[in-house]
């Protein structure tokens, strides 16, 4: 039996990228998973009957409010919530419109708040709820043109700690993972958009003491531990999962 056997999880954005890695690892660990995102995942993910899909727009409070009841109706309970869905725009502070800002914050920060609020009753009933927020190293540092994204992820770190403090008495834990560079469809598209691509992947890997780039499964494996009873004394923490990238101090070339 896996460490998540008998448990039910919601994973927002669980059908692709980091979310798909978390979904695959949760299924391997024995969980049942409700994938929540705007588009239906590839059919291969539904093999075995332990996965369901609910169309969800994290920027819509009405859509978010429907997710937990749909999950409990399908699987009978809720033990784990993974707030993974997120968006990013490549815009400077000067060029970021109010609508751009509101959209990023709505999906990356307000959505997790609303979904957590909706899930509290079901997580409390499980007796051992675990909330995992997927942040970013950009919640602690910044890349160019990511003002709204950085702000939303820094806010998610603060929300993580606040949830842990408020809900600990109910047996609900809350932690965050802050991934670095992870090999996903989104990161591959970003690489393709850059000039001077010759040797780019090698240069990226050289930034990481681990000697490689991260994979969605790297995040998924850590999420399994945080979701399981193996981490029952862990709450309110933000874990950087970046292959050592932010640990290494830069030197002039």
C-alpha atoms as a PDB file:
ATOM      1  CA  UNK A   1       0.000   0.000   0.000  1.00  0.00           C
ATOM      2  CA  UNK A   2       1.204   3.496  -0.841  1.00  0.00           C
ATOM      3  CA  UNK A   3       1.633   6.262   1.703  1.00  0.00           C
ATOM      4  CA  UNK A   4      -1.443   8.043   0.284  1.00  0.00           C
ATOM      5  CA  UNK A   5      -3.708   4.995   0.060  1.00  0.00           C
ATOM      6  CA  UNK A   6      -7.311   5.877   0.886  1.00  0.00           C
ATOM      7  CA  UNK A   7      -6.711   9.618   0.534  1.00  0.00           C
ATOM      8  CA  UNK A   8      -8.383  11.989  -1.906  1.00  0.00           C
ATOM      9  CA  UNK A   9      -6.655  15.022  -3.395  1.00  0.00           C
ATOM     10  CA  UNK A  10      -7.590  18.036  -5.461  1.00  0.00           C
ATOM     11  CA  UNK A  11      -4.747  19.182  -7.723  1.00  0.00           C
ATOM     12  CA  UNK A  12      -5.350  22.411  -9.612  1.00  0.00           C
ATOM     13  CA  UNK A  13      -3.621  22.384 -12.981  1.00  0.00           C
ATOM     14  CA  UNK A  14      -2.997  18.685 -12.388  1.00  0.00           C
ATOM     15  CA  UNK A  15      -3.099  17.651 -16.031  1.00  0.00           C
ATOM     16  CA  UNK A  16       0.127  19.183 -17.328  1.00  0.00           C
ATOM     17  CA  UNK A  17       3.576  20.381 -16.327  1.00  0.00           C
ATOM     18  CA  UNK A  18       4.388  20.339 -12.621  1.00  0.00           C
ATOM     19  CA  UNK A  19       0.770  19.498 -11.852  1.00  0.00           C
ATOM     20  CA  UNK A  20       0.922  16.355 -13.993  1.00  0.00           C
ATOM     21  CA  UNK A  21       4.071  15.273 -12.163  1.00  0.00           C
ATOM     22  CA  UNK A  22       2.263  15.688  -8.844  1.00  0.00           C
ATOM     23  CA  UNK A  23      -0.761  13.804 -10.131  1.00  0.00           C
ATOM     24  CA  UNK A  24       1.353  10.881 -11.352  1.00  0.00           C
ATOM     25  CA  UNK A  25       3.232  10.657  -8.051  1.00  0.00           C
ATOM     26  CA  UNK A  26       0.021  10.854  -6.002  1.00  0.00           C
ATOM     27  CA  UNK A  27      -1.550   8.062  -8.040  1.00  0.00           C
ATOM     28  CA  UNK A  28       1.542   5.916  -7.604  1.00  0.00           C
ATOM     29  CA  UNK A  29       1.311   6.523  -3.853  1.00  0.00           C
ATOM     30  CA  UNK A  30      -2.290   5.296  -3.823  1.00  0.00           C
ATOM     31  CA  UNK A  31      -4.339   8.504  -3.786  1.00  0.00           C
ATOM     32  CA  UNK A  32      -7.435   9.347  -5.768  1.00  0.00           C
ATOM     33  CA  UNK A  33      -7.158  12.665  -7.601  1.00  0.00           C
ATOM     34  CA  UNK A  34      -9.543  15.317  -8.842  1.00  0.00           C
ATOM     35  CA  UNK A  35      -7.817  17.382 -11.530  1.00  0.00           C
ATOM     36  CA  UNK A  36      -9.115  20.940 -11.681  1.00  0.00           C
ATOM     37  CA  UNK A  37      -8.254  23.116 -14.658  1.00  0.00           C
ATOM     38  CA  UNK A  38      -9.878  24.911 -17.566  1.00  0.00           C
ATOM     39  CA  UNK A  39      -9.176  22.248 -20.203  1.00  0.00           C
ATOM     40  CA  UNK A  40      -9.657  18.493 -19.966  1.00  0.00           C
ATOM     41  CA  UNK A  41      -6.392  16.532 -19.641  1.00  0.00           C
ATOM     42  CA  UNK A  42      -5.230  13.898 -22.100  1.00  0.00           C
ATOM     43  CA  UNK A  43      -7.327  10.748 -21.856  1.00  0.00           C
ATOM     44  CA  UNK A  44      -4.341   8.576 -20.845  1.00  0.00           C
ATOM     45  CA  UNK A  45      -4.348  10.090 -17.363  1.00  0.00           C
ATOM     46  CA  UNK A  46      -7.730   8.532 -16.565  1.00  0.00           C
ATOM     47  CA  UNK A  47      -6.563   4.903 -16.836  1.00  0.00           C
ATOM     48  CA  UNK A  48      -7.438   2.957 -13.691  1.00  0.00           C
ATOM     49  CA  UNK A  49     -10.404   5.004 -12.494  1.00  0.00           C
ATOM     50  CA  UNK A  50      -8.628   6.863  -9.685  1.00  0.00           C
ATOM     51  CA  UNK A  51      -8.704  10.215 -11.512  1.00  0.00           C
ATOM     52  CA  UNK A  52     -11.572  12.570 -12.267  1.00  0.00           C
ATOM     53  CA  UNK A  53     -11.688  15.968 -13.928  1.00  0.00           C
ATOM     54  CA  UNK A  54     -13.673  19.076 -13.058  1.00  0.00           C
ATOM     55  CA  UNK A  55     -13.558  22.103 -15.329  1.00  0.00           C
ATOM     56  CA  UNK A  56     -12.357  24.982 -13.149  1.00  0.00           C
ATOM     57  CA  UNK A  57     -11.310  28.569 -13.743  1.00  0.00           C
ATOM     58  CA  UNK A  58      -9.207  29.661 -10.776  1.00  0.00           C
ATOM     59  CA  UNK A  59      -9.964  33.315 -11.564  1.00  0.00           C
ATOM     60  CA  UNK A  60     -13.703  32.732 -11.089  1.00  0.00           C
ATOM     61  CA  UNK A  61     -15.017  32.555  -7.523  1.00  0.00           C
ATOM     62  CA  UNK A  62     -18.164  30.770  -8.774  1.00  0.00           C
ATOM     63  CA  UNK A  63     -16.114  28.119 -10.553  1.00  0.00           C
ATOM     64  CA  UNK A  64     -13.830  27.603  -7.559  1.00  0.00           C
ATOM     65  CA  UNK A  65     -16.828  27.225  -5.229  1.00  0.00           C
ATOM     66  CA  UNK A  66     -18.100  24.246  -7.248  1.00  0.00           C
ATOM     67  CA  UNK A  67     -14.889  22.222  -7.017  1.00  0.00           C
ATOM     68  CA  UNK A  68     -14.881  20.852  -3.467  1.00  0.00           C
ATOM     69  CA  UNK A  69     -18.539  19.708  -3.564  1.00  0.00           C
ATOM     70  CA  UNK A  70     -17.876  18.006  -6.910  1.00  0.00           C
ATOM     71  CA  UNK A  71     -14.859  16.209  -5.451  1.00  0.00           C
ATOM     72  CA  UNK A  72     -16.664  15.012  -2.330  1.00  0.00           C
ATOM     73  CA  UNK A  73     -19.603  13.891  -4.479  1.00  0.00           C
ATOM     74  CA  UNK A  74     -17.244  11.863  -6.715  1.00  0.00           C
ATOM     75  CA  UNK A  75     -14.878  10.384  -4.116  1.00  0.00           C
ATOM     76  CA  UNK A  76     -16.681  10.765  -0.780  1.00  0.00           C
ATOM     77  CA  UNK A  77     -14.075  12.860   1.037  1.00  0.00           C
ATOM     78  CA  UNK A  78     -11.180  15.290   0.725  1.00  0.00           C
ATOM     79  CA  UNK A  79      -7.807  14.935   2.464  1.00  0.00           C
ATOM     80  CA  UNK A  80      -5.326  16.918   0.361  1.00  0.00           C
ATOM     81  CA  UNK A  81      -5.450  20.189  -1.539  1.00  0.00           C
ATOM     82  CA  UNK A  82      -2.667  21.133  -3.955  1.00  0.00           C
ATOM     83  CA  UNK A  83      -2.886  24.728  -5.181  1.00  0.00           C
ATOM     84  CA  UNK A  84      -0.698  24.388  -8.258  1.00  0.00           C
ATOM     85  CA  UNK A  85      -2.401  26.274 -11.109  1.00  0.00           C
ATOM     86  CA  UNK A  86      -0.696  29.526 -12.049  1.00  0.00           C
ATOM     87  CA  UNK A  87      -0.031  31.989 -14.855  1.00  0.00           C
ATOM     88  CA  UNK A  88       2.750  34.434 -15.709  1.00  0.00           C
ATOM     89  CA  UNK A  89       3.094  37.415 -18.056  1.00  0.00           C
ATOM     90  CA  UNK A  90       6.362  38.805 -19.451  1.00  0.00           C
ATOM     91  CA  UNK A  91       5.804  42.499 -18.719  1.00  0.00           C
ATOM     92  CA  UNK A  92       7.758  45.210 -16.948  1.00  0.00           C
ATOM     93  CA  UNK A  93       6.206  47.114 -14.047  1.00  0.00           C
ATOM     94  CA  UNK A  94       5.704  50.058 -16.368  1.00  0.00           C
ATOM     95  CA  UNK A  95       3.938  47.977 -19.024  1.00  0.00           C
ATOM     96  CA  UNK A  96       1.795  45.875 -16.671  1.00  0.00           C
ATOM     97  CA  UNK A  97      -1.803  47.046 -16.859  1.00  0.00           C
ATOM     98  CA  UNK A  98      -4.188  46.891 -13.931  1.00  0.00           C
ATOM     99  CA  UNK A  99      -6.072  44.102 -15.725  1.00  0.00           C
ATOM    100  CA  UNK A 100      -2.825  42.133 -16.213  1.00  0.00           C
ATOM    101  CA  UNK A 101      -2.007  42.508 -12.529  1.00  0.00           C
ATOM    102  CA  UNK A 102      -5.494  41.513 -11.401  1.00  0.00           C
ATOM    103  CA  UNK A 103      -5.528  38.408 -13.605  1.00  0.00           C
ATOM    104  CA  UNK A 104      -2.207  37.084 -12.281  1.00  0.00           C
ATOM    105  CA  UNK A 105      -3.122  37.779  -8.656  1.00  0.00           C
ATOM    106  CA  UNK A 106      -6.603  36.295  -9.159  1.00  0.00           C
ATOM    107  CA  UNK A 107      -5.248  32.962 -10.413  1.00  0.00           C
ATOM    108  CA  UNK A 108      -2.029  32.687  -8.388  1.00  0.00           C
ATOM    109  CA  UNK A 109      -3.112  34.082  -5.022  1.00  0.00           C
ATOM    110  CA  UNK A 110      -6.821  34.802  -4.705  1.00  0.00           C
ATOM    111  CA  UNK A 111      -7.747  31.434  -6.245  1.00  0.00           C
ATOM    112  CA  UNK A 112      -5.743  29.421  -3.661  1.00  0.00           C
ATOM    113  CA  UNK A 113      -7.277  31.545  -0.874  1.00  0.00           C
ATOM    114  CA  UNK A 114     -10.825  30.932  -2.099  1.00  0.00           C
ATOM    115  CA  UNK A 115     -10.275  27.225  -2.706  1.00  0.00           C
ATOM    116  CA  UNK A 116      -8.657  26.746   0.694  1.00  0.00           C
ATOM    117  CA  UNK A 117     -11.571  28.542   2.339  1.00  0.00           C
ATOM    118  CA  UNK A 118     -14.000  26.273   0.493  1.00  0.00           C
ATOM    119  CA  UNK A 119     -12.069  23.129   1.444  1.00  0.00           C
ATOM    120  CA  UNK A 120     -11.646  23.746   5.184  1.00  0.00           C
ATOM    121  CA  UNK A 121     -14.793  21.905   6.254  1.00  0.00           C
ATOM    122  CA  UNK A 122     -13.952  18.760   4.268  1.00  0.00           C
ATOM    123  CA  UNK A 123     -10.288  18.812   5.287  1.00  0.00           C
ATOM    124  CA  UNK A 124     -11.293  19.226   8.934  1.00  0.00           C
ATOM    125  CA  UNK A 125     -13.638  16.245   8.630  1.00  0.00           C
ATOM    126  CA  UNK A 126     -10.776  14.074   7.333  1.00  0.00           C
ATOM    127  CA  UNK A 127      -8.899  14.699  10.587  1.00  0.00           C
ATOM    128  CA  UNK A 128      -5.516  15.066   8.914  1.00  0.00           C
ATOM    129  CA  UNK A 129      -5.802  17.547   6.079  1.00  0.00           C
ATOM    130  CA  UNK A 130      -2.780  18.722   4.125  1.00  0.00           C
ATOM    131  CA  UNK A 131      -2.641  21.823   1.926  1.00  0.00           C
ATOM    132  CA  UNK A 132       0.312  22.244  -0.440  1.00  0.00           C
ATOM    133  CA  UNK A 133       0.807  25.523  -2.267  1.00  0.00           C
ATOM    134  CA  UNK A 134       3.079  25.480  -5.312  1.00  0.00           C
ATOM    135  CA  UNK A 135       4.983  28.744  -5.291  1.00  0.00           C
ATOM    136  CA  UNK A 136       8.268  29.617  -6.965  1.00  0.00           C
ATOM    137  CA  UNK A 137      11.775  30.760  -6.187  1.00  0.00           C
ATOM    138  CA  UNK A 138      10.443  34.012  -7.637  1.00  0.00           C
ATOM    139  CA  UNK A 139       8.535  34.436  -4.409  1.00  0.00           C
ATOM    140  CA  UNK A 140      11.946  35.167  -2.861  1.00  0.00           C
ATOM    141  CA  UNK A 141      13.874  36.640  -5.804  1.00  0.00           C
ATOM    142  CA  UNK A 142      12.956  38.051  -9.181  1.00  0.00           C
ATOM    143  CA  UNK A 143      13.532  37.507 -12.864  1.00  0.00           C
ATOM    144  CA  UNK A 144      13.060  40.446 -15.240  1.00  0.00           C
ATOM    145  CA  UNK A 145       9.536  41.335 -16.395  1.00  0.00           C
ATOM    146  CA  UNK A 146       7.777  39.266 -13.726  1.00  0.00           C
ATOM    147  CA  UNK A 147       6.504  41.890 -11.273  1.00  0.00           C
ATOM    148  CA  UNK A 148       2.957  40.564 -10.915  1.00  0.00           C
ATOM    149  CA  UNK A 149       4.116  36.935 -10.825  1.00  0.00           C
ATOM    150  CA  UNK A 150       6.757  37.601  -8.166  1.00  0.00           C
ATOM    151  CA  UNK A 151       4.288  39.522  -6.035  1.00  0.00           C
ATOM    152  CA  UNK A 152       1.683  36.764  -6.288  1.00  0.00           C
ATOM    153  CA  UNK A 153       4.161  34.045  -5.309  1.00  0.00           C
ATOM    154  CA  UNK A 154       5.562  36.061  -2.401  1.00  0.00           C
ATOM    155  CA  UNK A 155       1.979  36.547  -1.249  1.00  0.00           C
ATOM    156  CA  UNK A 156       1.378  32.800  -1.512  1.00  0.00           C
ATOM    157  CA  UNK A 157       4.269  32.209   0.887  1.00  0.00           C
ATOM    158  CA  UNK A 158       2.664  34.531   3.411  1.00  0.00           C
ATOM    159  CA  UNK A 159      -0.732  32.915   2.907  1.00  0.00           C
ATOM    160  CA  UNK A 160       0.847  29.501   3.518  1.00  0.00           C
ATOM    161  CA  UNK A 161       2.128  30.545   6.927  1.00  0.00           C
ATOM    162  CA  UNK A 162      -1.163  32.207   7.871  1.00  0.00           C
ATOM    163  CA  UNK A 163      -3.186  29.118   6.934  1.00  0.00           C
ATOM    164  CA  UNK A 164      -0.853  26.913   8.980  1.00  0.00           C
ATOM    165  CA  UNK A 165      -1.306  29.140  12.030  1.00  0.00           C
ATOM    166  CA  UNK A 166      -5.084  29.481  11.692  1.00  0.00           C
ATOM    167  CA  UNK A 167      -5.946  25.871  10.847  1.00  0.00           C
ATOM    168  CA  UNK A 168      -3.420  23.896  12.874  1.00  0.00           C
ATOM    169  CA  UNK A 169      -5.973  23.491  15.671  1.00  0.00           C
ATOM    170  CA  UNK A 170      -8.205  21.675  13.172  1.00  0.00           C
ATOM    171  CA  UNK A 171      -5.551  19.120  12.266  1.00  0.00           C
ATOM    172  CA  UNK A 172      -4.871  20.845   8.939  1.00  0.00           C
ATOM    173  CA  UNK A 173      -1.290  21.461   7.837  1.00  0.00           C
ATOM    174  CA  UNK A 174      -0.180  23.884   5.132  1.00  0.00           C
ATOM    175  CA  UNK A 175       3.197  24.051   3.405  1.00  0.00           C
ATOM    176  CA  UNK A 176       4.567  25.453   0.163  1.00  0.00           C
ATOM    177  CA  UNK A 177       7.023  24.218  -2.440  1.00  0.00           C
ATOM    178  CA  UNK A 178       9.100  26.792  -4.322  1.00  0.00           C
ATOM    179  CA  UNK A 179      10.370  25.133  -7.518  1.00  0.00           C
ATOM    180  CA  UNK A 180      13.242  26.476  -9.551  1.00  0.00           C
ATOM    181  CA  UNK A 181      13.748  25.641 -13.213  1.00  0.00           C
ATOM    182  CA  UNK A 182      11.556  22.630 -14.023  1.00  0.00           C
ATOM    183  CA  UNK A 183      11.419  20.995 -17.452  1.00  0.00           C
ATOM    184  CA  UNK A 184       7.812  21.562 -18.541  1.00  0.00           C
ATOM    185  CA  UNK A 185       6.026  22.554 -21.727  1.00  0.00           C
ATOM    186  CA  UNK A 186       5.992  26.143 -20.474  1.00  0.00           C
ATOM    187  CA  UNK A 187       9.740  26.282 -19.844  1.00  0.00           C
ATOM    188  CA  UNK A 188      10.439  24.649 -23.225  1.00  0.00           C
ATOM    189  CA  UNK A 189       8.391  27.322 -24.979  1.00  0.00           C
ATOM    190  CA  UNK A 190      10.251  30.022 -23.072  1.00  0.00           C
ATOM    191  CA  UNK A 191      13.611  28.601 -24.173  1.00  0.00           C
ATOM    192  CA  UNK A 192      12.444  28.593 -27.797  1.00  0.00           C
ATOM    193  CA  UNK A 193      11.585  32.279 -27.522  1.00  0.00           C
ATOM    194  CA  UNK A 194      15.111  33.287 -26.493  1.00  0.00           C
ATOM    195  CA  UNK A 195      17.887  34.427 -28.838  1.00  0.00           C
ATOM    196  CA  UNK A 196      21.299  32.754 -28.851  1.00  0.00           C
ATOM    197  CA  UNK A 197      20.016  29.272 -28.031  1.00  0.00           C
ATOM    198  CA  UNK A 198      23.266  27.482 -28.807  1.00  0.00           C
ATOM    199  CA  UNK A 199      24.437  25.833 -25.596  1.00  0.00           C
ATOM    200  CA  UNK A 200      21.588  27.439 -23.636  1.00  0.00           C
ATOM    201  CA  UNK A 201      20.480  24.271 -21.856  1.00  0.00           C
ATOM    202  CA  UNK A 202      24.068  23.552 -20.833  1.00  0.00           C
ATOM    203  CA  UNK A 203      24.354  27.071 -19.443  1.00  0.00           C
ATOM    204  CA  UNK A 204      21.126  26.605 -17.535  1.00  0.00           C
ATOM    205  CA  UNK A 205      22.325  23.318 -16.054  1.00  0.00           C
ATOM    206  CA  UNK A 206      25.580  24.999 -15.006  1.00  0.00           C
ATOM    207  CA  UNK A 207      23.543  27.270 -12.718  1.00  0.00           C
ATOM    208  CA  UNK A 208      22.513  24.226 -10.676  1.00  0.00           C
ATOM    209  CA  UNK A 209      24.877  22.469  -8.243  1.00  0.00           C
ATOM    210  CA  UNK A 210      22.770  19.339  -8.766  1.00  0.00           C
ATOM    211  CA  UNK A 211      24.116  19.281 -12.340  1.00  0.00           C
ATOM    212  CA  UNK A 212      20.743  19.028 -14.071  1.00  0.00           C
ATOM    213  CA  UNK A 213      17.393  20.718 -14.489  1.00  0.00           C
ATOM    214  CA  UNK A 214      14.406  19.725 -12.401  1.00  0.00           C
ATOM    215  CA  UNK A 215      11.518  17.530 -13.533  1.00  0.00           C
ATOM    216  CA  UNK A 216       7.835  17.528 -12.539  1.00  0.00           C
ATOM    217  CA  UNK A 217       8.431  14.245 -10.722  1.00  0.00           C
ATOM    218  CA  UNK A 218      10.996  15.972  -8.475  1.00  0.00           C
ATOM    219  CA  UNK A 219       8.209  18.242  -7.265  1.00  0.00           C
ATOM    220  CA  UNK A 220       5.687  15.400  -7.177  1.00  0.00           C
ATOM    221  CA  UNK A 221       7.830  13.230  -4.924  1.00  0.00           C
ATOM    222  CA  UNK A 222       8.263  16.048  -2.417  1.00  0.00           C
ATOM    223  CA  UNK A 223       4.526  16.779  -2.555  1.00  0.00           C
ATOM    224  CA  UNK A 224       3.752  13.141  -1.726  1.00  0.00           C
ATOM    225  CA  UNK A 225       5.821  13.448   1.456  1.00  0.00           C
ATOM    226  CA  UNK A 226       4.098  16.686   2.456  1.00  0.00           C
ATOM    227  CA  UNK A 227       0.680  15.166   1.757  1.00  0.00           C
ATOM    228  CA  UNK A 228       1.373  12.027   3.765  1.00  0.00           C
ATOM    229  CA  UNK A 229       1.434  11.307   7.480  1.00  0.00           C
ATOM    230  CA  UNK A 230       5.232  11.026   7.230  1.00  0.00           C
ATOM    231  CA  UNK A 231       5.335  14.833   7.540  1.00  0.00           C
ATOM    232  CA  UNK A 232       2.694  15.123  10.289  1.00  0.00           C
ATOM    233  CA  UNK A 233       4.832  17.546  12.380  1.00  0.00           C
ATOM    234  CA  UNK A 234       5.628  19.814   9.421  1.00  0.00           C
ATOM    235  CA  UNK A 235       3.557  22.917   8.760  1.00  0.00           C
ATOM    236  CA  UNK A 236       3.976  26.568   7.817  1.00  0.00           C
ATOM    237  CA  UNK A 237       7.148  25.936   5.808  1.00  0.00           C
ATOM    238  CA  UNK A 238       8.298  27.016   2.351  1.00  0.00           C
ATOM    239  CA  UNK A 239      10.628  24.449   0.779  1.00  0.00           C
ATOM    240  CA  UNK A 240      12.901  25.517  -2.063  1.00  0.00           C
ATOM    241  CA  UNK A 241      13.276  22.739  -4.653  1.00  0.00           C
ATOM    242  CA  UNK A 242      15.721  24.166  -7.183  1.00  0.00           C
ATOM    243  CA  UNK A 243      18.738  21.868  -7.444  1.00  0.00           C
ATOM    244  CA  UNK A 244      20.744  24.362  -5.389  1.00  0.00           C
ATOM    245  CA  UNK A 245      20.337  27.220  -7.864  1.00  0.00           C
ATOM    246  CA  UNK A 246      19.554  29.904  -5.279  1.00  0.00           C
ATOM    247  CA  UNK A 247      22.253  28.599  -2.934  1.00  0.00           C
ATOM    248  CA  UNK A 248      25.095  29.254  -5.370  1.00  0.00           C
ATOM    249  CA  UNK A 249      26.565  32.752  -5.214  1.00  0.00           C
ATOM    250  CA  UNK A 250      27.418  34.247  -8.626  1.00  0.00           C
ATOM    251  CA  UNK A 251      30.978  35.134  -9.555  1.00  0.00           C
ATOM    252  CA  UNK A 252      32.084  37.373 -12.434  1.00  0.00           C
ATOM    253  CA  UNK A 253      32.707  35.360 -15.597  1.00  0.00           C
END
